Amino acid sequence: MLLKRVLSLGCAAVIAALPLLSGAAPHAYVPNEGSGTVSVIDTATDLVIADILVGKKPRGLAVGKDGHWLYVSDQPDNRLQLIDLLQRTVGGAVALGESPEGVAISQDGRWVVAAIEAKNEIAITDTATNTLAFSVGVKGQNPEHAVFSPDGRIILVSAEEGGAVDVIDFARREQVAQIPVGDRPRGIGFLPDSSRAYVATENSSEVYVIDARSFTVIERIKGGARANGVAVHPDGSRVYVSNGGDGSVSVIDTTTNRIIATVPVGQRPWNMALTPDGKKLYVANGRSNSISVIDTQQNVKLRDIAVGKLPWGVVIK
């Protein structure tokens, strides 16, 4: 089905689609909020191979399960931009509400969630139709990240001014709990089995470990200065936390919940993503206009990749 669609698009689209069809290395997608672009990085070569114009201030992003669509929040225009990755152009938009921020996708690829900062809610897009399905209000103020648990049961929402994480029961489409954490919660990452979540709190420079069944804090980890983004290794053995004030990434062993390494990166590291095999971590350095690539086996930085202005995060597919 996909091959027939690609063939009908012409030679240029076929060339753009080849990485999706040939089993080539995955691509890293980086929203540059100061440039209004998404940089496309070939993770085999760590070279930028394209820059896609996407809007005025792209921030959160997620890739659809089949690799066809990239979903990017365009904060000033209050919408979710739909990027056709076969042609690397904007292919539509979904109106979300004022000031959308972090974006995530359910593991089955059906639903995209966006945190709507000014409305204190989350908005859910149905990828089957690429239309807004419903919204759910949250108690926290200025939500920045909303993340599905791998089993799809809940969504955790971090609110910058809430000092807490809101818990949304996805089936019931309502908030069912609120978990107090440190000041200015930011990034959220779940273990693959959905048992625990790790939440970085920027102003308190801590990482909170949450039991995702009982909705309670089970441990607090002192992190680097201004702990921010969170990424979880595919095998669940490690959690990575960017430290915006230190220009570093902390590596947490999930067996002991202790920091076992700290890796220097660029200035103001923000959100991050791992390759599917877990061997490389890509870190967006907002003030360095770069992506740092970390070897997760040796816990060392391999290189920096220049991208657009003010990169906000990374997603890899």
C-alpha atoms as a PDB file:
ATOM      1  CA  MET A   1       0.000   0.000   0.000  1.00  0.00           C
ATOM      2  CA  LEU A   2       2.719   2.465   0.994  1.00  0.00           C
ATOM      3  CA  LEU A   3       4.865   1.514  -1.999  1.00  0.00           C
ATOM      4  CA  LYS A   4       1.970   2.172  -4.414  1.00  0.00           C
ATOM      5  CA  ARG A   5       1.371   5.552  -2.830  1.00  0.00           C
ATOM      6  CA  VAL A   6       5.045   6.483  -3.068  1.00  0.00           C
ATOM      7  CA  LEU A   7       5.260   5.445  -6.732  1.00  0.00           C
ATOM      8  CA  SER A   8       2.376   7.739  -7.541  1.00  0.00           C
ATOM      9  CA  LEU A   9       4.133  10.762  -6.070  1.00  0.00           C
ATOM     10  CA  GLY A  10       6.923  11.019  -8.635  1.00  0.00           C
ATOM     11  CA  CYS A  11      10.699  10.729  -8.540  1.00  0.00           C
ATOM     12  CA  ALA A  12      11.340  13.431  -5.923  1.00  0.00           C
ATOM     13  CA  ALA A  13       8.961  11.822  -3.445  1.00  0.00           C
ATOM     14  CA  VAL A  14      10.434   8.386  -4.115  1.00  0.00           C
ATOM     15  CA  ILE A  15      13.893   9.672  -3.245  1.00  0.00           C
ATOM     16  CA  ALA A  16      12.580  11.226  -0.034  1.00  0.00           C
ATOM     17  CA  ALA A  17      10.778   8.012   0.884  1.00  0.00           C
ATOM     18  CA  LEU A  18      13.669   5.629   0.270  1.00  0.00           C
ATOM     19  CA  PRO A  19      14.993   5.747   3.857  1.00  0.00           C
ATOM     20  CA  LEU A  20      11.546   4.737   5.109  1.00  0.00           C
ATOM     21  CA  LEU A  21      11.321   1.765   2.768  1.00  0.00           C
ATOM     22  CA  SER A  22      14.852   0.410   2.563  1.00  0.00           C
ATOM     23  CA  GLY A  23      15.601  -0.354   6.183  1.00  0.00           C
ATOM     24  CA  ALA A  24      18.228   2.421   6.349  1.00  0.00           C
ATOM     25  CA  ALA A  25      19.317   3.936   9.656  1.00  0.00           C
ATOM     26  CA  PRO A  26      16.579   5.910  11.423  1.00  0.00           C
ATOM     27  CA  HIS A  27      16.371   9.680  11.167  1.00  0.00           C
ATOM     28  CA  ALA A  28      16.470  12.174  14.015  1.00  0.00           C
ATOM     29  CA  TYR A  29      14.058  15.111  13.713  1.00  0.00           C
ATOM     30  CA  VAL A  30      14.911  18.349  15.528  1.00  0.00           C
ATOM     31  CA  PRO A  31      12.486  21.307  15.922  1.00  0.00           C
ATOM     32  CA  ASN A  32      14.362  24.624  15.780  1.00  0.00           C
ATOM     33  CA  GLU A  33      12.063  27.137  17.399  1.00  0.00           C
ATOM     34  CA  GLY A  34      14.230  30.124  16.422  1.00  0.00           C
ATOM     35  CA  SER A  35      14.429  29.112  12.758  1.00  0.00           C
ATOM     36  CA  GLY A  36      10.925  27.757  12.150  1.00  0.00           C
ATOM     37  CA  THR A  37      12.397  24.532  10.803  1.00  0.00           C
ATOM     38  CA  VAL A  38      12.834  20.860  11.550  1.00  0.00           C
ATOM     39  CA  SER A  39      16.324  19.514  10.863  1.00  0.00           C
ATOM     40  CA  VAL A  40      16.546  15.927   9.598  1.00  0.00           C
ATOM     41  CA  ILE A  41      19.645  13.988  10.710  1.00  0.00           C
ATOM     42  CA  ASP A  42      20.747  10.649   9.272  1.00  0.00           C
ATOM     43  CA  THR A  43      21.775   8.731  12.403  1.00  0.00           C
ATOM     44  CA  ALA A  44      24.135   6.498  10.396  1.00  0.00           C
ATOM     45  CA  THR A  45      26.325   9.443   9.365  1.00  0.00           C
ATOM     46  CA  ASP A  46      25.186  12.096  11.872  1.00  0.00           C
ATOM     47  CA  LEU A  47      24.803  14.570   9.021  1.00  0.00           C
ATOM     48  CA  VAL A  48      21.904  16.990   8.518  1.00  0.00           C
ATOM     49  CA  ILE A  49      20.309  15.899   5.236  1.00  0.00           C
ATOM     50  CA  ALA A  50      17.337  18.282   5.121  1.00  0.00           C
ATOM     51  CA  ASP A  51      15.662  21.246   6.804  1.00  0.00           C
ATOM     52  CA  ILE A  52      11.872  21.438   6.604  1.00  0.00           C
ATOM     53  CA  LEU A  53       9.979  24.728   7.027  1.00  0.00           C
ATOM     54  CA  VAL A  54       7.222  24.054   9.556  1.00  0.00           C
ATOM     55  CA  GLY A  55       5.927  27.275  11.128  1.00  0.00           C
ATOM     56  CA  LYS A  56       6.851  30.164  13.372  1.00  0.00           C
ATOM     57  CA  LYS A  57       7.977  28.349  16.538  1.00  0.00           C
ATOM     58  CA  PRO A  58       8.046  24.528  16.363  1.00  0.00           C
ATOM     59  CA  ARG A  59       8.453  22.762  19.689  1.00  0.00           C
ATOM     60  CA  GLY A  60       7.087  19.338  20.592  1.00  0.00           C
ATOM     61  CA  LEU A  61       7.040  16.604  17.986  1.00  0.00           C
ATOM     62  CA  ALA A  62       6.243  12.936  17.390  1.00  0.00           C
ATOM     63  CA  VAL A  63       6.498  10.552  14.447  1.00  0.00           C
ATOM     64  CA  GLY A  64       3.598   8.357  13.343  1.00  0.00           C
ATOM     65  CA  LYS A  65       3.987   4.612  13.578  1.00  0.00           C
ATOM     66  CA  ASP A  66       4.423   4.080   9.826  1.00  0.00           C
ATOM     67  CA  GLY A  67       6.931   6.935   9.539  1.00  0.00           C
ATOM     68  CA  HIS A  68       4.747   8.871   7.104  1.00  0.00           C
ATOM     69  CA  TRP A  69       3.664  11.782   9.304  1.00  0.00           C
ATOM     70  CA  LEU A  70       5.601  14.011  11.673  1.00  0.00           C
ATOM     71  CA  TYR A  71       3.421  15.878  14.192  1.00  0.00           C
ATOM     72  CA  VAL A  72       4.892  19.226  15.331  1.00  0.00           C
ATOM     73  CA  SER A  73       3.382  21.804  17.679  1.00  0.00           C
ATOM     74  CA  ASP A  74       3.532  25.327  16.249  1.00  0.00           C
ATOM     75  CA  GLN A  75       3.184  27.427  19.383  1.00  0.00           C
ATOM     76  CA  PRO A  76       2.285  30.928  18.036  1.00  0.00           C
ATOM     77  CA  ASP A  77      -0.253  29.578  15.539  1.00  0.00           C
ATOM     78  CA  ASN A  78      -1.910  27.284  18.108  1.00  0.00           C
ATOM     79  CA  ARG A  79      -1.846  24.217  15.910  1.00  0.00           C
ATOM     80  CA  LEU A  80      -0.308  20.841  15.244  1.00  0.00           C
ATOM     81  CA  GLN A  81       1.553  20.872  11.949  1.00  0.00           C
ATOM     82  CA  LEU A  82       1.353  17.666   9.919  1.00  0.00           C
ATOM     83  CA  ILE A  83       4.604  17.087   8.037  1.00  0.00           C
ATOM     84  CA  ASP A  84       4.499  14.585   5.179  1.00  0.00           C
ATOM     85  CA  LEU A  85       7.871  12.843   5.537  1.00  0.00           C
ATOM     86  CA  LEU A  86       7.597  11.235   2.106  1.00  0.00           C
ATOM     87  CA  GLN A  87       7.753  14.691   0.542  1.00  0.00           C
ATOM     88  CA  ARG A  88       9.200  16.625   3.507  1.00  0.00           C
ATOM     89  CA  THR A  89       6.584  19.329   3.288  1.00  0.00           C
ATOM     90  CA  VAL A  90       3.686  20.536   5.433  1.00  0.00           C
ATOM     91  CA  GLY A  91       0.654  18.400   4.587  1.00  0.00           C
ATOM     92  CA  GLY A  92      -1.994  19.925   6.847  1.00  0.00           C
ATOM     93  CA  ALA A  93      -2.667  21.198  10.367  1.00  0.00           C
ATOM     94  CA  VAL A  94      -4.917  20.571  13.365  1.00  0.00           C
ATOM     95  CA  ALA A  95      -6.174  23.475  15.506  1.00  0.00           C
ATOM     96  CA  LEU A  96      -5.339  22.682  19.145  1.00  0.00           C
ATOM     97  CA  GLY A  97      -5.756  25.686  21.425  1.00  0.00           C
ATOM     98  CA  GLU A  98      -3.552  28.493  22.659  1.00  0.00           C
ATOM     99  CA  SER A  99       0.188  27.767  23.047  1.00  0.00           C
ATOM    100  CA  PRO A 100       0.723  24.030  22.422  1.00  0.00           C
ATOM    101  CA  GLU A 101       4.003  22.668  23.808  1.00  0.00           C
ATOM    102  CA  GLY A 102       5.164  19.074  24.287  1.00  0.00           C
ATOM    103  CA  VAL A 103       3.852  16.363  21.953  1.00  0.00           C
ATOM    104  CA  ALA A 104       3.906  12.570  22.341  1.00  0.00           C
ATOM    105  CA  ILE A 105       2.372   9.562  20.612  1.00  0.00           C
ATOM    106  CA  SER A 106       0.792   6.403  21.995  1.00  0.00           C
ATOM    107  CA  GLN A 107       2.768   3.206  21.489  1.00  0.00           C
ATOM    108  CA  ASP A 108       0.156   1.838  19.086  1.00  0.00           C
ATOM    109  CA  GLY A 109       0.505   4.999  16.996  1.00  0.00           C
ATOM    110  CA  ARG A 110      -3.198   5.847  17.119  1.00  0.00           C
ATOM    111  CA  TRP A 111      -3.183   8.945  19.331  1.00  0.00           C
ATOM    112  CA  VAL A 112      -1.046  12.095  19.537  1.00  0.00           C
ATOM    113  CA  VAL A 113      -1.242  14.142  22.721  1.00  0.00           C
ATOM    114  CA  ALA A 114      -0.203  17.794  23.007  1.00  0.00           C
ATOM    115  CA  ALA A 115       0.085  19.890  26.182  1.00  0.00           C
ATOM    116  CA  ILE A 116      -1.872  23.140  25.723  1.00  0.00           C
ATOM    117  CA  GLU A 117      -0.156  25.633  27.982  1.00  0.00           C
ATOM    118  CA  ALA A 118      -2.521  28.614  28.018  1.00  0.00           C
ATOM    119  CA  LYS A 119      -5.708  26.523  28.356  1.00  0.00           C
ATOM    120  CA  ASN A 120      -4.410  24.108  31.034  1.00  0.00           C
ATOM    121  CA  GLU A 121      -5.485  21.068  29.084  1.00  0.00           C
ATOM    122  CA  ILE A 122      -4.238  18.326  26.812  1.00  0.00           C
ATOM    123  CA  ALA A 123      -5.488  17.833  23.265  1.00  0.00           C
ATOM    124  CA  ILE A 124      -5.696  14.413  21.611  1.00  0.00           C
ATOM    125  CA  THR A 125      -5.394  13.988  17.827  1.00  0.00           C
ATOM    126  CA  ASP A 126      -6.601  10.805  16.122  1.00  0.00           C
ATOM    127  CA  THR A 127      -3.902   9.768  13.626  1.00  0.00           C
ATOM    128  CA  ALA A 128      -6.402   7.644  11.694  1.00  0.00           C
ATOM    129  CA  THR A 129      -8.109  10.824  10.515  1.00  0.00           C
ATOM    130  CA  ASN A 130      -5.546  13.485  11.510  1.00  0.00           C
ATOM    131  CA  THR A 131      -8.275  15.423  13.314  1.00  0.00           C
ATOM    132  CA  LEU A 132      -8.735  16.596  16.897  1.00  0.00           C
ATOM    133  CA  ALA A 133     -10.570  13.882  18.841  1.00  0.00           C
ATOM    134  CA  PHE A 134     -11.038  15.426  22.300  1.00  0.00           C
ATOM    135  CA  SER A 135      -9.427  17.534  25.034  1.00  0.00           C
ATOM    136  CA  VAL A 136      -9.072  17.000  28.792  1.00  0.00           C
ATOM    137  CA  GLY A 137      -8.570  19.754  31.360  1.00  0.00           C
ATOM    138  CA  VAL A 138      -5.813  19.453  33.982  1.00  0.00           C
ATOM    139  CA  LYS A 139      -5.385  21.054  37.391  1.00  0.00           C
ATOM    140  CA  GLY A 140      -1.745  22.031  36.846  1.00  0.00           C
ATOM    141  CA  GLN A 141      -0.867  25.465  35.496  1.00  0.00           C
ATOM    142  CA  ASN A 142       1.019  25.860  32.183  1.00  0.00           C
ATOM    143  CA  PRO A 143       1.410  22.192  31.187  1.00  0.00           C
ATOM    144  CA  GLU A 144       4.526  21.603  29.100  1.00  0.00           C
ATOM    145  CA  HIS A 145       4.820  17.844  28.598  1.00  0.00           C
ATOM    146  CA  ALA A 146       2.178  15.123  28.250  1.00  0.00           C
ATOM    147  CA  VAL A 147       3.381  11.531  27.847  1.00  0.00           C
ATOM    148  CA  PHE A 148       1.538   8.230  27.359  1.00  0.00           C
ATOM    149  CA  SER A 149       2.494   5.232  29.456  1.00  0.00           C
ATOM    150  CA  PRO A 150       3.697   2.456  27.133  1.00  0.00           C
ATOM    151  CA  ASP A 151       0.594   0.390  27.934  1.00  0.00           C
ATOM    152  CA  GLY A 152      -1.629   3.345  26.964  1.00  0.00           C
ATOM    153  CA  ARG A 153      -3.439   3.314  30.285  1.00  0.00           C
ATOM    154  CA  ILE A 154      -2.515   6.773  31.534  1.00  0.00           C
ATOM    155  CA  ILE A 155      -1.036  10.085  30.430  1.00  0.00           C
ATOM    156  CA  LEU A 156       1.232  12.013  32.788  1.00  0.00           C
ATOM    157  CA  VAL A 157       1.253  15.797  32.422  1.00  0.00           C
ATOM    158  CA  SER A 158       3.902  18.114  33.880  1.00  0.00           C
ATOM    159  CA  ALA A 159       2.863  21.695  34.589  1.00  0.00           C
ATOM    160  CA  GLU A 160       5.554  24.356  34.940  1.00  0.00           C
ATOM    161  CA  GLU A 161       3.721  26.269  37.670  1.00  0.00           C
ATOM    162  CA  GLY A 162       1.965  23.345  39.296  1.00  0.00           C
ATOM    163  CA  GLY A 163       4.663  21.664  41.397  1.00  0.00           C
ATOM    164  CA  ALA A 164       2.844  18.449  40.537  1.00  0.00           C
ATOM    165  CA  VAL A 165       2.203  15.866  37.833  1.00  0.00           C
ATOM    166  CA  ASP A 166      -1.372  15.332  36.672  1.00  0.00           C
ATOM    167  CA  VAL A 167      -2.586  11.801  35.922  1.00  0.00           C
ATOM    168  CA  ILE A 168      -5.077  11.303  33.094  1.00  0.00           C
ATOM    169  CA  ASP A 169      -6.967   8.017  32.794  1.00  0.00           C
ATOM    170  CA  PHE A 170      -7.062   7.669  29.020  1.00  0.00           C
ATOM    171  CA  ALA A 171     -10.063   5.325  28.823  1.00  0.00           C
ATOM    172  CA  ARG A 172     -12.126   7.556  31.111  1.00  0.00           C
ATOM    173  CA  ARG A 173     -10.800  10.749  29.490  1.00  0.00           C
ATOM    174  CA  GLU A 174     -10.431  12.516  32.799  1.00  0.00           C
ATOM    175  CA  GLN A 175      -7.897  13.428  35.454  1.00  0.00           C
ATOM    176  CA  VAL A 176      -7.844  10.881  38.274  1.00  0.00           C
ATOM    177  CA  ALA A 177      -4.900  11.977  40.423  1.00  0.00           C
ATOM    178  CA  GLN A 178      -2.280  14.627  41.012  1.00  0.00           C
ATOM    179  CA  ILE A 179       1.199  13.749  42.297  1.00  0.00           C
ATOM    180  CA  PRO A 180       3.176  16.455  44.162  1.00  0.00           C
ATOM    181  CA  VAL A 181       6.793  16.778  42.964  1.00  0.00           C
ATOM    182  CA  GLY A 182       9.451  19.498  43.034  1.00  0.00           C
ATOM    183  CA  ASP A 183       9.310  23.015  41.654  1.00  0.00           C
ATOM    184  CA  ARG A 184       8.783  23.386  37.879  1.00  0.00           C
ATOM    185  CA  PRO A 185       8.370  19.807  36.631  1.00  0.00           C
ATOM    186  CA  ARG A 186       9.521  19.274  33.051  1.00  0.00           C
ATOM    187  CA  GLY A 187      10.472  16.077  31.199  1.00  0.00           C
ATOM    188  CA  ILE A 188       8.755  12.736  31.807  1.00  0.00           C
ATOM    189  CA  GLY A 189       9.896   9.231  30.873  1.00  0.00           C
ATOM    190  CA  PHE A 190       8.325   5.810  31.534  1.00  0.00           C
ATOM    191  CA  LEU A 191      10.057   2.487  31.946  1.00  0.00           C
ATOM    192  CA  PRO A 192       9.079   0.105  29.101  1.00  0.00           C
ATOM    193  CA  ASP A 193       6.853  -1.985  31.383  1.00  0.00           C
ATOM    194  CA  SER A 194       4.902   1.130  32.494  1.00  0.00           C
ATOM    195  CA  SER A 195       5.690   0.421  36.156  1.00  0.00           C
ATOM    196  CA  ARG A 196       7.575   3.636  36.894  1.00  0.00           C
ATOM    197  CA  ALA A 197       7.970   7.144  35.541  1.00  0.00           C
ATOM    198  CA  TYR A 198      10.854   9.574  35.999  1.00  0.00           C
ATOM    199  CA  VAL A 199      10.104  13.301  36.186  1.00  0.00           C
ATOM    200  CA  ALA A 200      12.729  16.069  36.091  1.00  0.00           C
ATOM    201  CA  THR A 201      12.034  19.176  38.172  1.00  0.00           C
ATOM    202  CA  GLU A 202      13.948  22.179  36.908  1.00  0.00           C
ATOM    203  CA  ASN A 203      13.953  24.633  39.793  1.00  0.00           C
ATOM    204  CA  SER A 204      14.605  22.006  42.465  1.00  0.00           C
ATOM    205  CA  SER A 205      17.188  20.177  40.295  1.00  0.00           C
ATOM    206  CA  GLU A 206      15.767  16.783  41.195  1.00  0.00           C
ATOM    207  CA  VAL A 207      14.383  13.684  39.496  1.00  0.00           C
ATOM    208  CA  TYR A 208      11.261  12.151  41.015  1.00  0.00           C
ATOM    209  CA  VAL A 209      10.617   8.423  40.627  1.00  0.00           C
ATOM    210  CA  ILE A 210       6.877   7.717  40.496  1.00  0.00           C
ATOM    211  CA  ASP A 211       5.074   4.417  40.964  1.00  0.00           C
ATOM    212  CA  ALA A 212       2.751   4.509  37.957  1.00  0.00           C
ATOM    213  CA  ARG A 213       0.245   2.127  39.575  1.00  0.00           C
ATOM    214  CA  SER A 214      -0.239   3.776  42.968  1.00  0.00           C
ATOM    215  CA  PHE A 215       0.580   7.308  41.723  1.00  0.00           C
ATOM    216  CA  THR A 216       3.035   7.932  44.547  1.00  0.00           C
ATOM    217  CA  VAL A 217       6.606   9.193  44.691  1.00  0.00           C
ATOM    218  CA  ILE A 218       8.914   6.322  45.648  1.00  0.00           C
ATOM    219  CA  GLU A 219      12.269   8.106  45.384  1.00  0.00           C
ATOM    220  CA  ARG A 220      13.886  11.505  44.881  1.00  0.00           C
ATOM    221  CA  ILE A 221      17.234  11.740  43.097  1.00  0.00           C
ATOM    222  CA  LYS A 222      19.404  14.841  43.333  1.00  0.00           C
ATOM    223  CA  GLY A 223      20.201  15.775  39.761  1.00  0.00           C
ATOM    224  CA  GLY A 224      22.331  18.358  38.008  1.00  0.00           C
ATOM    225  CA  ALA A 225      21.509  22.056  37.916  1.00  0.00           C
ATOM    226  CA  ARG A 226      18.105  22.732  36.317  1.00  0.00           C
ATOM    227  CA  ALA A 227      17.170  19.150  35.472  1.00  0.00           C
ATOM    228  CA  ASN A 228      15.012  19.222  32.382  1.00  0.00           C
ATOM    229  CA  GLY A 229      14.576  16.601  29.643  1.00  0.00           C
ATOM    230  CA  VAL A 230      14.140  12.858  30.261  1.00  0.00           C
ATOM    231  CA  ALA A 231      14.814   9.891  27.977  1.00  0.00           C
ATOM    232  CA  VAL A 232      14.621   6.185  28.847  1.00  0.00           C
ATOM    233  CA  HIS A 233      16.798   3.460  27.338  1.00  0.00           C
ATOM    234  CA  PRO A 234      14.745   0.934  25.317  1.00  0.00           C
ATOM    235  CA  ASP A 235      15.695  -1.875  27.724  1.00  0.00           C
ATOM    236  CA  GLY A 236      14.752   0.215  30.772  1.00  0.00           C
ATOM    237  CA  SER A 237      18.186  -0.073  32.386  1.00  0.00           C
ATOM    238  CA  ARG A 238      19.067   3.613  32.188  1.00  0.00           C
ATOM    239  CA  VAL A 239      17.341   6.976  32.396  1.00  0.00           C
ATOM    240  CA  TYR A 240      18.977  10.087  30.937  1.00  0.00           C
ATOM    241  CA  VAL A 241      18.306  13.569  32.322  1.00  0.00           C
ATOM    242  CA  SER A 242      19.519  16.798  30.717  1.00  0.00           C
ATOM    243  CA  ASN A 243      20.790  19.490  33.074  1.00  0.00           C
ATOM    244  CA  GLY A 244      20.171  22.929  31.595  1.00  0.00           C
ATOM    245  CA  GLY A 245      22.311  24.795  34.118  1.00  0.00           C
ATOM    246  CA  ASP A 246      25.276  22.433  33.976  1.00  0.00           C
ATOM    247  CA  GLY A 247      25.408  21.726  30.247  1.00  0.00           C
ATOM    248  CA  SER A 248      25.406  18.006  30.957  1.00  0.00           C
ATOM    249  CA  VAL A 249      23.394  14.788  30.889  1.00  0.00           C
ATOM    250  CA  SER A 250      23.058  12.581  33.986  1.00  0.00           C
ATOM    251  CA  VAL A 251      22.840   8.803  33.554  1.00  0.00           C
ATOM    252  CA  ILE A 252      20.673   7.021  36.136  1.00  0.00           C
ATOM    253  CA  ASP A 253      20.855   3.273  36.790  1.00  0.00           C
ATOM    254  CA  THR A 254      17.206   2.251  37.214  1.00  0.00           C
ATOM    255  CA  THR A 255      18.125  -0.737  39.416  1.00  0.00           C
ATOM    256  CA  THR A 256      19.619   1.489  42.106  1.00  0.00           C
ATOM    257  CA  ASN A 257      18.162   4.872  41.074  1.00  0.00           C
ATOM    258  CA  ARG A 258      21.627   6.373  41.380  1.00  0.00           C
ATOM    259  CA  ILE A 259      23.530   8.583  38.955  1.00  0.00           C
ATOM    260  CA  ILE A 260      26.379   6.535  37.500  1.00  0.00           C
ATOM    261  CA  ALA A 261      27.784   9.014  34.956  1.00  0.00           C
ATOM    262  CA  THR A 262      27.609  12.643  33.887  1.00  0.00           C
ATOM    263  CA  VAL A 263      28.338  13.562  30.273  1.00  0.00           C
ATOM    264  CA  PRO A 264      29.181  17.160  29.233  1.00  0.00           C
ATOM    265  CA  VAL A 265      27.179  18.417  26.224  1.00  0.00           C
ATOM    266  CA  GLY A 266      26.305  21.885  24.851  1.00  0.00           C
ATOM    267  CA  GLN A 267      24.693  24.896  26.470  1.00  0.00           C
ATOM    268  CA  ARG A 268      21.133  24.638  27.786  1.00  0.00           C
ATOM    269  CA  PRO A 269      20.486  20.976  26.933  1.00  0.00           C
ATOM    270  CA  TRP A 270      16.770  20.404  26.637  1.00  0.00           C
ATOM    271  CA  ASN A 271      14.879  17.393  25.310  1.00  0.00           C
ATOM    272  CA  MET A 272      16.449  14.174  23.987  1.00  0.00           C
ATOM    273  CA  ALA A 273      15.861  10.872  22.190  1.00  0.00           C
ATOM    274  CA  LEU A 274      17.591   7.520  21.781  1.00  0.00           C
ATOM    275  CA  THR A 275      18.060   5.446  18.660  1.00  0.00           C
ATOM    276  CA  PRO A 276      15.864   2.313  18.625  1.00  0.00           C
ATOM    277  CA  ASP A 277      18.859   0.111  19.489  1.00  0.00           C
ATOM    278  CA  GLY A 278      19.688   2.372  22.436  1.00  0.00           C
ATOM    279  CA  LYS A 279      23.301   2.869  21.356  1.00  0.00           C
ATOM    280  CA  LYS A 280      23.170   6.639  20.794  1.00  0.00           C
ATOM    281  CA  LEU A 281      21.454   9.499  22.606  1.00  0.00           C
ATOM    282  CA  TYR A 282      20.728  12.760  20.767  1.00  0.00           C
ATOM    283  CA  VAL A 283      20.534  15.880  22.957  1.00  0.00           C
ATOM    284  CA  ALA A 284      19.131  19.255  21.830  1.00  0.00           C
ATOM    285  CA  ASN A 285      21.352  22.129  23.050  1.00  0.00           C
ATOM    286  CA  GLY A 286      19.131  25.206  22.903  1.00  0.00           C
ATOM    287  CA  ARG A 287      21.795  27.858  23.348  1.00  0.00           C
ATOM    288  CA  SER A 288      24.487  26.104  21.323  1.00  0.00           C
ATOM    289  CA  ASN A 289      22.259  25.568  18.270  1.00  0.00           C
ATOM    290  CA  SER A 290      23.480  22.005  18.149  1.00  0.00           C
ATOM    291  CA  ILE A 291      22.717  18.362  18.857  1.00  0.00           C
ATOM    292  CA  SER A 292      25.174  16.412  21.003  1.00  0.00           C
ATOM    293  CA  VAL A 293      25.467  12.702  20.229  1.00  0.00           C
ATOM    294  CA  ILE A 294      26.312  10.442  23.178  1.00  0.00           C
ATOM    295  CA  ASP A 295      27.627   6.884  23.011  1.00  0.00           C
ATOM    296  CA  THR A 296      25.457   5.219  25.654  1.00  0.00           C
ATOM    297  CA  GLN A 297      27.744   2.201  26.038  1.00  0.00           C
ATOM    298  CA  GLN A 298      30.771   4.319  26.967  1.00  0.00           C
ATOM    299  CA  ASN A 299      28.838   7.348  28.307  1.00  0.00           C
ATOM    300  CA  VAL A 300      30.934   9.777  26.248  1.00  0.00           C
ATOM    301  CA  LYS A 301      30.039  12.494  23.773  1.00  0.00           C
ATOM    302  CA  LEU A 302      30.863  11.492  20.218  1.00  0.00           C
ATOM    303  CA  ARG A 303      30.245  14.777  18.414  1.00  0.00           C
ATOM    304  CA  ASP A 304      28.139  17.907  18.056  1.00  0.00           C
ATOM    305  CA  ILE A 305      25.916  18.495  15.025  1.00  0.00           C
ATOM    306  CA  ALA A 306      25.046  22.054  14.011  1.00  0.00           C
ATOM    307  CA  VAL A 307      21.308  22.582  13.454  1.00  0.00           C
ATOM    308  CA  GLY A 308      18.980  25.601  13.394  1.00  0.00           C
ATOM    309  CA  LYS A 309      18.413  28.240  16.066  1.00  0.00           C
ATOM    310  CA  LEU A 310      17.185  27.174  19.504  1.00  0.00           C
ATOM    311  CA  PRO A 311      16.631  23.437  19.043  1.00  0.00           C
ATOM    312  CA  TRP A 312      13.944  22.313  21.507  1.00  0.00           C
ATOM    313  CA  GLY A 313      14.050  18.531  21.302  1.00  0.00           C
ATOM    314  CA  VAL A 314      14.574  15.386  19.253  1.00  0.00           C
ATOM    315  CA  VAL A 315      12.478  12.464  18.056  1.00  0.00           C
ATOM    316  CA  ILE A 316      13.888   9.463  16.207  1.00  0.00           C
ATOM    317  CA  LYS A 317      12.196   7.082  13.773  1.00  0.00           C
END
